[in-house]
Amino acid sequence: MKIKKTSLGLVVTIMFLSFTPSTSSASNAYVATSKSYEIQRTSAAELRVNEIYEICKTDLTPERKKELRKEVKAINKLTSNGGVYISGGAVIILIILLIILL
């Protein structure tokens, strides 16, 4: 019985690893274009943030300072990478599932 479970797990794993998505050249061109756009947008945002930091803030009104803070926060939100977070419970469940299946 254990051999059947092991062989079934092995077959399923091989099937998942063998079916990889293929990309076409048109989608690669789109990715390259969007990456160059992202680089341009990020560099422009970085320049704007540097300009804001170089401004002498002692001469500004409190309202203008508040606007600049909001602008910097918005730029930081745009340029931040929204990573993938896996909780500890999810990791434990994944490990248990792998142990059961394999």
Foldseek 3Di string as FASTA:
>chain_A
DVVVLVVVLVVVVVVVVVDDDDDDVVVVVVVVVVVVVLVVLLVVLVVVLVVLVPDDCVPDDPVVVVVSVVSNVVSCVVNDDPDDDDDPVNVVVVVVVVVVRD
